[in-house]
N, C-alpha and C. Protein backbone atom coordinates (compact mmCIF):
# COMPACT_ATOMS: atom_id res chain seq x y z
N MET A 1 -34.52 -93.24 -48.97
CA MET A 1 -35.91 -92.85 -49.26
C MET A 1 -36.66 -92.52 -47.99
N ASP A 2 -36.54 -93.45 -47.00
CA ASP A 2 -37.18 -93.24 -45.69
C ASP A 2 -36.64 -91.99 -45.02
N LYS A 3 -35.33 -91.79 -45.21
CA LYS A 3 -34.68 -90.62 -44.61
C LYS A 3 -35.25 -89.33 -45.21
N LYS A 4 -35.43 -89.35 -46.53
CA LYS A 4 -35.96 -88.19 -47.24
C LYS A 4 -37.39 -87.87 -46.78
N ILE A 5 -38.18 -88.91 -46.63
CA ILE A 5 -39.58 -88.74 -46.18
C ILE A 5 -39.60 -88.19 -44.76
N ASN A 6 -38.74 -88.72 -43.91
CA ASN A 6 -38.66 -88.26 -42.51
C ASN A 6 -38.30 -86.77 -42.43
N ILE A 7 -37.35 -86.35 -43.30
CA ILE A 7 -36.94 -84.94 -43.33
C ILE A 7 -38.11 -84.06 -43.77
N GLN A 8 -38.83 -84.54 -44.79
CA GLN A 8 -39.98 -83.78 -45.29
C GLN A 8 -41.07 -83.66 -44.21
N ILE A 9 -41.29 -84.78 -43.52
CA ILE A 9 -42.30 -84.78 -42.43
C ILE A 9 -41.86 -83.81 -41.34
N LEU A 10 -40.58 -83.86 -41.02
CA LEU A 10 -40.04 -82.98 -39.98
C LEU A 10 -40.20 -81.51 -40.38
N LEU A 11 -39.90 -81.21 -41.66
CA LEU A 11 -40.05 -79.84 -42.16
C LEU A 11 -41.50 -79.38 -42.09
N VAL A 12 -42.40 -80.27 -42.47
CA VAL A 12 -43.84 -79.94 -42.41
C VAL A 12 -44.25 -79.66 -40.97
N GLU A 13 -43.76 -80.46 -40.03
CA GLU A 13 -44.09 -80.29 -38.62
C GLU A 13 -43.55 -78.96 -38.07
N VAL A 14 -42.29 -78.65 -38.53
CA VAL A 14 -41.67 -77.39 -38.10
C VAL A 14 -42.46 -76.19 -38.62
N ILE A 15 -42.83 -76.29 -39.91
CA ILE A 15 -43.62 -75.21 -40.53
C ILE A 15 -44.96 -75.08 -39.82
N ARG A 16 -45.58 -76.26 -39.56
CA ARG A 16 -46.89 -76.25 -38.87
C ARG A 16 -46.76 -75.64 -37.47
N PHE A 17 -45.65 -75.96 -36.77
CA PHE A 17 -45.41 -75.43 -35.43
C PHE A 17 -45.31 -73.91 -35.47
N PHE A 18 -44.49 -73.39 -36.43
CA PHE A 18 -44.31 -71.94 -36.55
C PHE A 18 -45.61 -71.24 -36.95
N PHE A 19 -46.38 -71.91 -37.80
CA PHE A 19 -47.67 -71.36 -38.21
C PHE A 19 -48.61 -71.23 -37.00
N ILE A 20 -48.70 -72.30 -36.20
CA ILE A 20 -49.56 -72.31 -35.00
C ILE A 20 -49.06 -71.28 -33.99
N PHE A 21 -47.73 -71.27 -33.82
CA PHE A 21 -47.12 -70.32 -32.88
C PHE A 21 -47.43 -68.87 -33.28
N THR A 22 -47.30 -68.59 -34.59
CA THR A 22 -47.60 -67.24 -35.11
C THR A 22 -49.06 -66.88 -34.90
N MET A 23 -49.94 -67.84 -35.14
CA MET A 23 -51.38 -67.61 -34.95
C MET A 23 -51.70 -67.30 -33.49
N ILE A 24 -51.08 -68.08 -32.59
CA ILE A 24 -51.30 -67.87 -31.14
C ILE A 24 -50.83 -66.48 -30.73
N LEU A 25 -49.64 -66.09 -31.21
CA LEU A 25 -49.11 -64.75 -30.90
C LEU A 25 -50.04 -63.66 -31.41
N GLY A 26 -50.52 -63.83 -32.63
CA GLY A 26 -51.42 -62.85 -33.24
C GLY A 26 -52.71 -62.71 -32.44
N VAL A 27 -53.29 -63.84 -32.07
CA VAL A 27 -54.54 -63.83 -31.28
C VAL A 27 -54.30 -63.19 -29.92
N SER A 28 -53.16 -63.53 -29.28
CA SER A 28 -52.83 -62.96 -27.97
C SER A 28 -52.67 -61.46 -28.06
N PHE A 29 -51.96 -61.02 -29.12
CA PHE A 29 -51.73 -59.59 -29.31
C PHE A 29 -53.05 -58.83 -29.49
N VAL A 30 -53.92 -59.41 -30.32
CA VAL A 30 -55.24 -58.80 -30.55
C VAL A 30 -56.03 -58.78 -29.27
N SER A 31 -55.97 -59.88 -28.50
CA SER A 31 -56.71 -59.95 -27.23
C SER A 31 -56.22 -58.91 -26.24
N ILE A 32 -54.87 -58.76 -26.18
CA ILE A 32 -54.30 -57.76 -25.25
C ILE A 32 -54.74 -56.37 -25.66
N ASN A 33 -54.64 -56.09 -26.98
CA ASN A 33 -55.07 -54.78 -27.46
C ASN A 33 -56.55 -54.55 -27.21
N ASN A 34 -57.34 -55.58 -27.52
CA ASN A 34 -58.78 -55.45 -27.30
C ASN A 34 -59.10 -55.32 -25.83
N GLY A 35 -58.31 -56.05 -25.00
CA GLY A 35 -58.50 -55.96 -23.56
C GLY A 35 -58.23 -54.55 -23.06
N ALA A 36 -57.14 -53.96 -23.58
CA ALA A 36 -56.80 -52.58 -23.20
C ALA A 36 -57.88 -51.62 -23.69
N LYS A 37 -58.34 -51.87 -24.94
CA LYS A 37 -59.40 -51.02 -25.49
C LYS A 37 -60.69 -51.18 -24.70
N ASP A 38 -60.98 -52.45 -24.33
CA ASP A 38 -62.20 -52.71 -23.54
C ASP A 38 -62.13 -52.01 -22.18
N ALA A 39 -60.93 -52.10 -21.56
CA ALA A 39 -60.76 -51.46 -20.25
C ALA A 39 -60.94 -49.94 -20.38
N GLN A 40 -60.35 -49.39 -21.47
CA GLN A 40 -60.48 -47.95 -21.72
C GLN A 40 -61.94 -47.58 -21.97
N LEU A 41 -62.62 -48.45 -22.75
CA LEU A 41 -64.03 -48.22 -23.06
C LEU A 41 -64.87 -48.26 -21.80
N ILE A 42 -64.57 -49.23 -20.92
CA ILE A 42 -65.30 -49.34 -19.65
C ILE A 42 -65.09 -48.09 -18.81
N ASN A 43 -63.81 -47.65 -18.74
CA ASN A 43 -63.50 -46.44 -17.95
C ASN A 43 -64.21 -45.21 -18.52
N ASN A 44 -64.16 -45.10 -19.86
CA ASN A 44 -64.82 -43.96 -20.51
C ASN A 44 -66.32 -43.99 -20.26
N THR A 45 -66.90 -45.19 -20.38
CA THR A 45 -68.34 -45.34 -20.16
C THR A 45 -68.71 -44.98 -18.73
N ARG A 46 -67.86 -45.43 -17.78
CA ARG A 46 -68.13 -45.12 -16.37
C ARG A 46 -68.10 -43.62 -16.15
N ASP A 47 -67.08 -42.95 -16.75
CA ASP A 47 -66.98 -41.48 -16.62
C ASP A 47 -68.21 -40.80 -17.21
N ILE A 48 -68.62 -41.27 -18.39
CA ILE A 48 -69.79 -40.68 -19.04
C ILE A 48 -71.03 -40.86 -18.19
N LEU A 49 -71.18 -42.08 -17.64
CA LEU A 49 -72.35 -42.35 -16.80
C LEU A 49 -72.35 -41.50 -15.54
N GLN A 50 -71.16 -41.37 -14.94
CA GLN A 50 -71.08 -40.53 -13.74
C GLN A 50 -71.43 -39.10 -14.07
N LYS A 51 -70.90 -38.61 -15.19
CA LYS A 51 -71.22 -37.25 -15.61
C LYS A 51 -72.69 -37.12 -15.96
N ALA A 52 -73.21 -38.16 -16.58
CA ALA A 52 -74.63 -38.12 -16.99
C ALA A 52 -75.52 -38.00 -15.76
N ASP A 53 -75.13 -38.69 -14.67
CA ASP A 53 -75.91 -38.59 -13.44
C ASP A 53 -75.96 -37.16 -12.96
N PHE A 54 -74.79 -36.51 -12.96
CA PHE A 54 -74.72 -35.13 -12.50
C PHE A 54 -75.27 -34.16 -13.53
N ARG A 55 -75.01 -34.46 -14.82
CA ARG A 55 -75.48 -33.55 -15.86
C ARG A 55 -77.00 -33.48 -15.89
N SER A 56 -77.65 -34.54 -15.39
CA SER A 56 -79.12 -34.55 -15.39
C SER A 56 -79.68 -33.44 -14.52
N ILE A 57 -78.84 -32.88 -13.64
CA ILE A 57 -79.32 -31.77 -12.79
C ILE A 57 -79.70 -30.57 -13.63
N PHE A 58 -79.10 -30.45 -14.84
CA PHE A 58 -79.39 -29.29 -15.67
C PHE A 58 -80.72 -29.40 -16.39
N ARG A 59 -81.32 -30.60 -16.31
CA ARG A 59 -82.60 -30.78 -16.98
C ARG A 59 -83.77 -30.38 -16.08
N HIS A 60 -83.46 -29.99 -14.84
CA HIS A 60 -84.51 -29.57 -13.91
C HIS A 60 -85.19 -28.30 -14.44
N LYS A 61 -86.46 -28.39 -14.67
CA LYS A 61 -87.20 -27.19 -15.10
C LYS A 61 -87.17 -26.15 -13.99
N LYS A 62 -87.22 -26.64 -12.74
CA LYS A 62 -87.24 -25.72 -11.60
C LYS A 62 -85.93 -24.95 -11.49
N GLU A 63 -84.83 -25.63 -11.87
CA GLU A 63 -83.52 -24.95 -11.83
C GLU A 63 -83.55 -23.74 -12.75
N ARG A 64 -84.12 -23.93 -13.94
CA ARG A 64 -84.21 -22.82 -14.89
C ARG A 64 -85.21 -21.76 -14.40
N LEU A 65 -86.26 -22.24 -13.74
CA LEU A 65 -87.30 -21.34 -13.22
C LEU A 65 -86.73 -20.40 -12.15
N PHE A 66 -85.86 -20.94 -11.28
CA PHE A 66 -85.33 -20.15 -10.15
C PHE A 66 -84.03 -19.43 -10.50
N HIS A 67 -83.54 -19.64 -11.72
CA HIS A 67 -82.27 -19.04 -12.14
C HIS A 67 -82.22 -17.51 -11.95
N PRO A 68 -83.25 -16.76 -12.36
CA PRO A 68 -83.20 -15.30 -12.18
C PRO A 68 -83.12 -14.87 -10.71
N ILE A 69 -83.85 -15.59 -9.84
CA ILE A 69 -83.82 -15.26 -8.40
C ILE A 69 -82.42 -15.52 -7.84
N ILE A 70 -81.86 -16.65 -8.25
CA ILE A 70 -80.51 -17.02 -7.77
C ILE A 70 -79.48 -15.98 -8.20
N LEU A 71 -79.54 -15.58 -9.46
CA LEU A 71 -78.60 -14.56 -9.97
C LEU A 71 -78.74 -13.25 -9.19
N GLN A 72 -79.97 -12.85 -8.95
CA GLN A 72 -80.24 -11.60 -8.24
C GLN A 72 -79.67 -11.64 -6.82
N GLU A 73 -80.00 -12.69 -6.09
CA GLU A 73 -79.56 -12.79 -4.69
C GLU A 73 -78.06 -13.03 -4.57
N ALA A 74 -77.52 -13.83 -5.47
CA ALA A 74 -76.07 -14.09 -5.45
C ALA A 74 -75.30 -12.81 -5.72
N SER A 75 -75.79 -12.03 -6.67
CA SER A 75 -75.15 -10.75 -6.99
C SER A 75 -75.26 -9.78 -5.81
N ARG A 76 -76.42 -9.74 -5.18
CA ARG A 76 -76.65 -8.84 -4.05
C ARG A 76 -75.71 -9.14 -2.89
N HIS A 77 -75.45 -10.42 -2.64
CA HIS A 77 -74.63 -10.80 -1.48
C HIS A 77 -73.21 -11.24 -1.87
N GLU A 78 -72.86 -11.03 -3.14
CA GLU A 78 -71.51 -11.33 -3.64
C GLU A 78 -71.09 -12.78 -3.37
N ILE A 79 -71.98 -13.68 -3.77
CA ILE A 79 -71.70 -15.11 -3.71
C ILE A 79 -71.82 -15.66 -5.13
N ASP A 80 -70.93 -16.53 -5.51
CA ASP A 80 -70.96 -17.13 -6.85
C ASP A 80 -72.31 -17.82 -7.06
N PRO A 81 -73.08 -17.44 -8.11
CA PRO A 81 -74.38 -18.07 -8.33
C PRO A 81 -74.28 -19.58 -8.56
N ALA A 82 -73.16 -20.04 -9.13
CA ALA A 82 -72.97 -21.48 -9.32
C ALA A 82 -72.91 -22.20 -7.98
N LEU A 83 -72.34 -21.54 -6.97
CA LEU A 83 -72.26 -22.12 -5.63
C LEU A 83 -73.65 -22.16 -4.99
N VAL A 84 -74.43 -21.11 -5.18
CA VAL A 84 -75.80 -21.09 -4.65
C VAL A 84 -76.60 -22.23 -5.27
N LYS A 85 -76.46 -22.40 -6.58
CA LYS A 85 -77.16 -23.49 -7.27
C LYS A 85 -76.74 -24.85 -6.71
N ALA A 86 -75.45 -24.98 -6.45
CA ALA A 86 -74.93 -26.25 -5.91
C ALA A 86 -75.50 -26.54 -4.53
N ILE A 87 -75.60 -25.50 -3.70
CA ILE A 87 -76.17 -25.67 -2.35
C ILE A 87 -77.63 -26.09 -2.44
N ILE A 88 -78.38 -25.43 -3.32
CA ILE A 88 -79.80 -25.76 -3.48
C ILE A 88 -79.96 -27.20 -3.96
N MET A 89 -79.12 -27.60 -4.92
CA MET A 89 -79.20 -28.96 -5.44
C MET A 89 -78.89 -29.98 -4.35
N ALA A 90 -77.86 -29.71 -3.55
CA ALA A 90 -77.49 -30.63 -2.48
C ALA A 90 -78.52 -30.64 -1.36
N GLU A 91 -79.12 -29.50 -1.09
CA GLU A 91 -80.06 -29.38 0.02
C GLU A 91 -81.44 -29.98 -0.29
N SER A 92 -81.98 -29.62 -1.45
CA SER A 92 -83.38 -29.99 -1.71
C SER A 92 -83.64 -30.58 -3.08
N GLY A 93 -82.61 -30.61 -3.94
CA GLY A 93 -82.83 -31.09 -5.30
C GLY A 93 -83.84 -30.21 -6.04
N TYR A 94 -83.85 -28.93 -5.68
CA TYR A 94 -84.74 -27.94 -6.30
C TYR A 94 -86.22 -28.18 -6.01
N ASN A 95 -86.49 -28.78 -4.86
CA ASN A 95 -87.88 -28.97 -4.44
C ASN A 95 -88.23 -27.86 -3.44
N PRO A 96 -89.07 -26.88 -3.84
CA PRO A 96 -89.38 -25.76 -2.95
C PRO A 96 -90.24 -26.15 -1.75
N ASN A 97 -90.81 -27.36 -1.82
CA ASN A 97 -91.66 -27.84 -0.72
C ASN A 97 -90.97 -28.88 0.15
N ALA A 98 -89.67 -29.02 -0.02
CA ALA A 98 -88.92 -30.02 0.75
C ALA A 98 -88.93 -29.72 2.25
N ILE A 99 -89.07 -30.78 3.04
CA ILE A 99 -88.98 -30.67 4.51
C ILE A 99 -88.07 -31.81 4.98
N SER A 100 -87.04 -31.46 5.74
CA SER A 100 -86.12 -32.49 6.25
C SER A 100 -86.69 -33.11 7.52
N LYS A 101 -86.06 -34.18 7.98
CA LYS A 101 -86.48 -34.85 9.22
C LYS A 101 -86.35 -33.91 10.42
N LYS A 102 -85.39 -32.99 10.33
CA LYS A 102 -85.18 -32.04 11.43
C LYS A 102 -86.06 -30.80 11.31
N GLY A 103 -86.81 -30.71 10.21
CA GLY A 103 -87.74 -29.58 10.06
C GLY A 103 -87.26 -28.44 9.20
N ALA A 104 -86.10 -28.62 8.53
CA ALA A 104 -85.61 -27.59 7.61
C ALA A 104 -86.54 -27.53 6.40
N LYS A 105 -86.75 -26.33 5.88
CA LYS A 105 -87.78 -26.16 4.85
C LYS A 105 -87.27 -25.48 3.58
N GLY A 106 -87.91 -25.85 2.48
CA GLY A 106 -87.72 -25.14 1.22
C GLY A 106 -86.45 -25.47 0.47
N LEU A 107 -86.20 -24.69 -0.56
CA LEU A 107 -85.08 -24.91 -1.46
C LEU A 107 -83.73 -24.97 -0.77
N MET A 108 -83.49 -24.03 0.14
CA MET A 108 -82.19 -23.97 0.81
C MET A 108 -82.26 -24.54 2.22
N GLN A 109 -83.36 -25.24 2.50
CA GLN A 109 -83.53 -25.98 3.76
C GLN A 109 -83.22 -25.12 5.00
N LEU A 110 -84.01 -24.10 5.18
CA LEU A 110 -83.84 -23.21 6.33
C LEU A 110 -84.57 -23.79 7.53
N MET A 111 -83.87 -23.84 8.66
CA MET A 111 -84.51 -24.24 9.91
C MET A 111 -85.46 -23.12 10.33
N PRO A 112 -86.58 -23.46 10.98
CA PRO A 112 -87.54 -22.42 11.37
C PRO A 112 -86.92 -21.25 12.14
N SER A 113 -86.02 -21.56 13.09
CA SER A 113 -85.39 -20.49 13.88
C SER A 113 -84.51 -19.61 13.00
N THR A 114 -83.79 -20.22 12.05
CA THR A 114 -82.93 -19.47 11.13
C THR A 114 -83.78 -18.59 10.22
N ALA A 115 -84.85 -19.18 9.70
CA ALA A 115 -85.76 -18.43 8.81
C ALA A 115 -86.33 -17.22 9.54
N GLU A 116 -86.72 -17.43 10.79
CA GLU A 116 -87.30 -16.33 11.59
C GLU A 116 -86.27 -15.23 11.81
N ALA A 117 -85.04 -15.63 12.16
CA ALA A 117 -83.97 -14.65 12.38
C ALA A 117 -83.64 -13.86 11.11
N LEU A 118 -83.85 -14.49 9.97
CA LEU A 118 -83.56 -13.84 8.69
C LEU A 118 -84.75 -13.03 8.16
N GLY A 119 -85.87 -13.12 8.87
CA GLY A 119 -87.07 -12.39 8.44
C GLY A 119 -87.81 -13.08 7.31
N VAL A 120 -87.58 -14.38 7.14
CA VAL A 120 -88.28 -15.15 6.10
C VAL A 120 -89.63 -15.59 6.67
N GLU A 121 -90.69 -15.02 6.14
CA GLU A 121 -92.03 -15.32 6.64
C GLU A 121 -92.57 -16.64 6.11
N ASP A 122 -92.24 -16.94 4.85
CA ASP A 122 -92.73 -18.18 4.24
C ASP A 122 -91.54 -18.92 3.62
N ALA A 123 -91.05 -19.94 4.33
CA ALA A 123 -89.88 -20.68 3.86
C ALA A 123 -90.14 -21.48 2.59
N PHE A 124 -91.41 -21.67 2.26
CA PHE A 124 -91.75 -22.41 1.04
C PHE A 124 -91.89 -21.48 -0.17
N ASN A 125 -91.77 -20.19 0.08
CA ASN A 125 -91.78 -19.23 -1.02
C ASN A 125 -90.35 -19.18 -1.58
N PRO A 126 -90.16 -19.60 -2.85
CA PRO A 126 -88.80 -19.69 -3.41
C PRO A 126 -87.99 -18.40 -3.30
N GLU A 127 -88.62 -17.28 -3.59
CA GLU A 127 -87.90 -16.01 -3.55
C GLU A 127 -87.43 -15.69 -2.14
N GLN A 128 -88.32 -15.85 -1.16
CA GLN A 128 -87.96 -15.57 0.24
C GLN A 128 -86.91 -16.57 0.73
N ASN A 129 -87.08 -17.84 0.36
CA ASN A 129 -86.17 -18.88 0.81
C ASN A 129 -84.77 -18.67 0.27
N ILE A 130 -84.67 -18.40 -1.03
CA ILE A 130 -83.34 -18.19 -1.64
C ILE A 130 -82.70 -16.92 -1.09
N SER A 131 -83.50 -15.88 -0.95
CA SER A 131 -82.99 -14.62 -0.41
C SER A 131 -82.42 -14.83 0.99
N GLY A 132 -83.20 -15.52 1.83
CA GLY A 132 -82.75 -15.78 3.20
C GLY A 132 -81.56 -16.73 3.24
N GLY A 133 -81.61 -17.76 2.42
CA GLY A 133 -80.54 -18.75 2.41
C GLY A 133 -79.21 -18.18 1.96
N VAL A 134 -79.24 -17.37 0.92
CA VAL A 134 -77.99 -16.75 0.41
C VAL A 134 -77.45 -15.76 1.43
N ARG A 135 -78.36 -15.00 2.04
CA ARG A 135 -77.93 -14.03 3.07
C ARG A 135 -77.30 -14.76 4.25
N TYR A 136 -77.89 -15.87 4.66
CA TYR A 136 -77.37 -16.66 5.77
C TYR A 136 -76.00 -17.26 5.42
N PHE A 137 -75.88 -17.78 4.19
CA PHE A 137 -74.60 -18.35 3.78
C PHE A 137 -73.51 -17.29 3.74
N LYS A 138 -73.86 -16.09 3.28
CA LYS A 138 -72.90 -14.98 3.25
C LYS A 138 -72.43 -14.63 4.67
N GLN A 139 -73.35 -14.66 5.62
CA GLN A 139 -72.99 -14.42 7.03
C GLN A 139 -71.97 -15.45 7.50
N LEU A 140 -72.20 -16.71 7.11
CA LEU A 140 -71.29 -17.79 7.52
C LEU A 140 -69.92 -17.63 6.86
N VAL A 141 -69.90 -17.24 5.60
CA VAL A 141 -68.63 -17.01 4.90
C VAL A 141 -67.84 -15.90 5.61
N ASN A 142 -68.54 -14.83 5.99
CA ASN A 142 -67.88 -13.73 6.71
C ASN A 142 -67.41 -14.19 8.09
N ARG A 143 -68.24 -14.97 8.76
CA ARG A 143 -67.92 -15.45 10.11
C ARG A 143 -66.66 -16.31 10.11
N PHE A 144 -66.46 -17.07 9.02
CA PHE A 144 -65.30 -17.96 8.95
C PHE A 144 -64.24 -17.43 7.98
N ASP A 145 -64.14 -16.10 7.95
CA ASP A 145 -63.07 -15.41 7.21
C ASP A 145 -62.93 -15.84 5.76
N GLY A 146 -64.06 -16.03 5.09
CA GLY A 146 -64.04 -16.34 3.66
C GLY A 146 -63.79 -17.80 3.33
N ASP A 147 -63.69 -18.65 4.35
CA ASP A 147 -63.45 -20.08 4.12
C ASP A 147 -64.77 -20.76 3.73
N VAL A 148 -64.93 -21.05 2.46
CA VAL A 148 -66.18 -21.60 1.94
C VAL A 148 -66.47 -22.98 2.53
N LYS A 149 -65.44 -23.79 2.70
CA LYS A 149 -65.65 -25.15 3.25
C LYS A 149 -66.18 -25.08 4.68
N LEU A 150 -65.62 -24.17 5.47
CA LEU A 150 -66.11 -24.02 6.85
C LEU A 150 -67.53 -23.45 6.85
N ALA A 151 -67.80 -22.54 5.93
CA ALA A 151 -69.15 -21.97 5.82
C ALA A 151 -70.15 -23.06 5.46
N LEU A 152 -69.76 -23.95 4.54
CA LEU A 152 -70.63 -25.06 4.17
C LEU A 152 -70.83 -26.03 5.34
N ALA A 153 -69.74 -26.27 6.07
CA ALA A 153 -69.83 -27.15 7.25
C ALA A 153 -70.80 -26.56 8.26
N ALA A 154 -70.72 -25.25 8.45
CA ALA A 154 -71.62 -24.56 9.39
C ALA A 154 -73.05 -24.57 8.88
N TYR A 155 -73.22 -24.42 7.59
CA TYR A 155 -74.56 -24.46 6.99
C TYR A 155 -75.20 -25.83 7.23
N ASN A 156 -74.37 -26.86 7.19
CA ASN A 156 -74.86 -28.23 7.34
C ASN A 156 -74.99 -28.67 8.80
N ALA A 157 -73.95 -28.40 9.59
CA ALA A 157 -73.91 -28.92 10.95
C ALA A 157 -74.12 -27.87 12.04
N GLY A 158 -74.03 -26.59 11.66
CA GLY A 158 -74.18 -25.52 12.63
C GLY A 158 -72.86 -24.87 12.98
N SER A 159 -72.90 -23.56 13.19
CA SER A 159 -71.68 -22.79 13.49
C SER A 159 -71.02 -23.23 14.79
N LYS A 160 -71.84 -23.57 15.78
CA LYS A 160 -71.29 -23.96 17.10
C LYS A 160 -70.39 -25.18 16.98
N LYS A 161 -70.80 -26.12 16.16
CA LYS A 161 -70.00 -27.35 16.01
C LYS A 161 -68.70 -27.08 15.26
N VAL A 162 -68.75 -26.19 14.29
CA VAL A 162 -67.52 -25.82 13.57
C VAL A 162 -66.54 -25.14 14.52
N ARG A 163 -67.07 -24.26 15.38
CA ARG A 163 -66.20 -23.58 16.36
C ARG A 163 -65.68 -24.56 17.41
N ARG A 164 -66.55 -25.47 17.83
CA ARG A 164 -66.15 -26.45 18.86
C ARG A 164 -64.99 -27.31 18.37
N TYR A 165 -65.08 -27.76 17.11
CA TYR A 165 -64.03 -28.63 16.55
C TYR A 165 -62.92 -27.84 15.87
N GLN A 166 -63.07 -26.51 15.85
CA GLN A 166 -62.09 -25.62 15.21
C GLN A 166 -61.80 -26.07 13.77
N GLY A 167 -62.85 -26.40 13.10
CA GLY A 167 -62.74 -26.86 11.72
C GLY A 167 -63.99 -27.65 11.34
N ILE A 168 -63.90 -28.39 10.26
CA ILE A 168 -65.03 -29.20 9.81
C ILE A 168 -65.29 -30.30 10.83
N PRO A 169 -66.50 -30.40 11.36
CA PRO A 169 -66.80 -31.44 12.35
C PRO A 169 -66.58 -32.85 11.78
N PRO A 170 -66.20 -33.79 12.64
CA PRO A 170 -65.88 -35.15 12.15
C PRO A 170 -67.12 -36.00 11.90
N TYR A 171 -68.05 -35.45 11.16
CA TYR A 171 -69.28 -36.17 10.83
C TYR A 171 -69.23 -36.57 9.36
N LYS A 172 -69.50 -37.84 9.09
CA LYS A 172 -69.48 -38.33 7.70
C LYS A 172 -70.48 -37.55 6.85
N ALA A 173 -71.65 -37.29 7.42
CA ALA A 173 -72.70 -36.59 6.66
C ALA A 173 -72.23 -35.20 6.23
N THR A 174 -71.51 -34.51 7.11
CA THR A 174 -71.03 -33.15 6.80
C THR A 174 -69.94 -33.19 5.75
N HIS A 175 -69.01 -34.14 5.88
CA HIS A 175 -67.94 -34.28 4.89
C HIS A 175 -68.53 -34.64 3.52
N TYR A 176 -69.50 -35.54 3.53
CA TYR A 176 -70.15 -35.93 2.27
C TYR A 176 -70.90 -34.75 1.67
N TYR A 177 -71.55 -33.97 2.51
CA TYR A 177 -72.30 -32.80 2.06
C TYR A 177 -71.37 -31.80 1.34
N ILE A 178 -70.24 -31.51 1.95
CA ILE A 178 -69.28 -30.56 1.37
C ILE A 178 -68.77 -31.07 0.02
N GLU A 179 -68.43 -32.36 0.00
CA GLU A 179 -67.94 -32.98 -1.24
C GLU A 179 -69.00 -32.90 -2.35
N LYS A 180 -70.23 -33.18 -1.97
CA LYS A 180 -71.34 -33.15 -2.94
C LYS A 180 -71.56 -31.75 -3.48
N VAL A 181 -71.55 -30.76 -2.59
CA VAL A 181 -71.74 -29.36 -3.01
C VAL A 181 -70.64 -28.97 -3.99
N PHE A 182 -69.40 -29.34 -3.72
CA PHE A 182 -68.30 -28.96 -4.61
C PHE A 182 -68.39 -29.66 -5.96
N LYS A 183 -68.90 -30.89 -5.98
CA LYS A 183 -69.10 -31.57 -7.27
C LYS A 183 -70.13 -30.84 -8.10
N TYR A 184 -71.25 -30.50 -7.47
CA TYR A 184 -72.28 -29.74 -8.16
C TYR A 184 -71.76 -28.37 -8.57
N TYR A 185 -70.98 -27.77 -7.71
CA TYR A 185 -70.42 -26.43 -7.97
C TYR A 185 -69.60 -26.42 -9.26
N GLU A 186 -68.71 -27.42 -9.40
CA GLU A 186 -67.88 -27.51 -10.60
C GLU A 186 -68.74 -27.63 -11.86
N LEU A 187 -69.77 -28.45 -11.77
CA LEU A 187 -70.65 -28.64 -12.93
C LEU A 187 -71.45 -27.39 -13.27
N TYR A 188 -71.95 -26.71 -12.24
CA TYR A 188 -72.69 -25.48 -12.49
C TYR A 188 -71.79 -24.38 -13.03
N LYS A 189 -70.54 -24.35 -12.56
CA LYS A 189 -69.59 -23.36 -13.09
C LYS A 189 -69.35 -23.60 -14.57
N ASP A 190 -69.17 -24.89 -14.94
CA ASP A 190 -68.97 -25.24 -16.35
C ASP A 190 -70.19 -24.86 -17.17
N GLN A 191 -71.35 -25.15 -16.63
CA GLN A 191 -72.60 -24.84 -17.32
C GLN A 191 -72.74 -23.35 -17.58
N MET A 192 -72.46 -22.57 -16.56
CA MET A 192 -72.60 -21.12 -16.68
C MET A 192 -71.54 -20.52 -17.61
N THR A 193 -70.35 -21.10 -17.62
CA THR A 193 -69.29 -20.67 -18.54
C THR A 193 -69.71 -20.93 -19.98
N GLU A 194 -70.29 -22.12 -20.21
CA GLU A 194 -70.76 -22.47 -21.56
C GLU A 194 -71.86 -21.52 -22.02
N LYS A 195 -72.74 -21.17 -21.09
CA LYS A 195 -73.84 -20.23 -21.43
C LYS A 195 -73.29 -18.86 -21.78
N MET A 196 -72.25 -18.45 -21.06
CA MET A 196 -71.64 -17.13 -21.33
C MET A 196 -71.00 -17.12 -22.72
N LYS A 197 -70.42 -18.25 -23.13
CA LYS A 197 -69.80 -18.34 -24.45
C LYS A 197 -70.84 -18.24 -25.56
N GLU A 198 -72.03 -18.77 -25.26
CA GLU A 198 -73.11 -18.76 -26.26
C GLU A 198 -73.68 -17.37 -26.49
N VAL A 199 -73.55 -16.52 -25.45
CA VAL A 199 -74.14 -15.17 -25.54
C VAL A 199 -73.33 -14.29 -26.48
């Protein structure tokens, strides 16, 4: 009798053990899956937030306001308008009254000497500033044999420094500037492609 009871107790314990073991495995599996899903969700959210930060550039009323001028000047000097937009965004954030610590002015942040050489009488006038800035950038592209990165480096740090270092100068600010312009450039290209599809 005692033997029979002991066997029954043992069987109950074994069943209980397998039940608990199965429950633990199930919870672990769900946790792992949820963990993977959570990690994916976090990554997706981070991507969306990063894009949202950049996508907010398209909400600039000024960007839409200056769009016709940019198209006109970019077409005149054979520069991608998306690239011009990217430079303006990186330089001034579309503030036509921007002044840098070094004295660069307007949307495309023209230095007074550069503006004068380009015949820009009022650097705070968006049309004059964009016209001069695009013309200046085109000169830099030609000067560096079509190398856009070198042209951007020269736009940021000056042509003399690009020639001195025979490439992009080893300045963090210049490297960051080029990277930032290209990020904006990709987004503006996408934006303009989407607009073309809508037409």
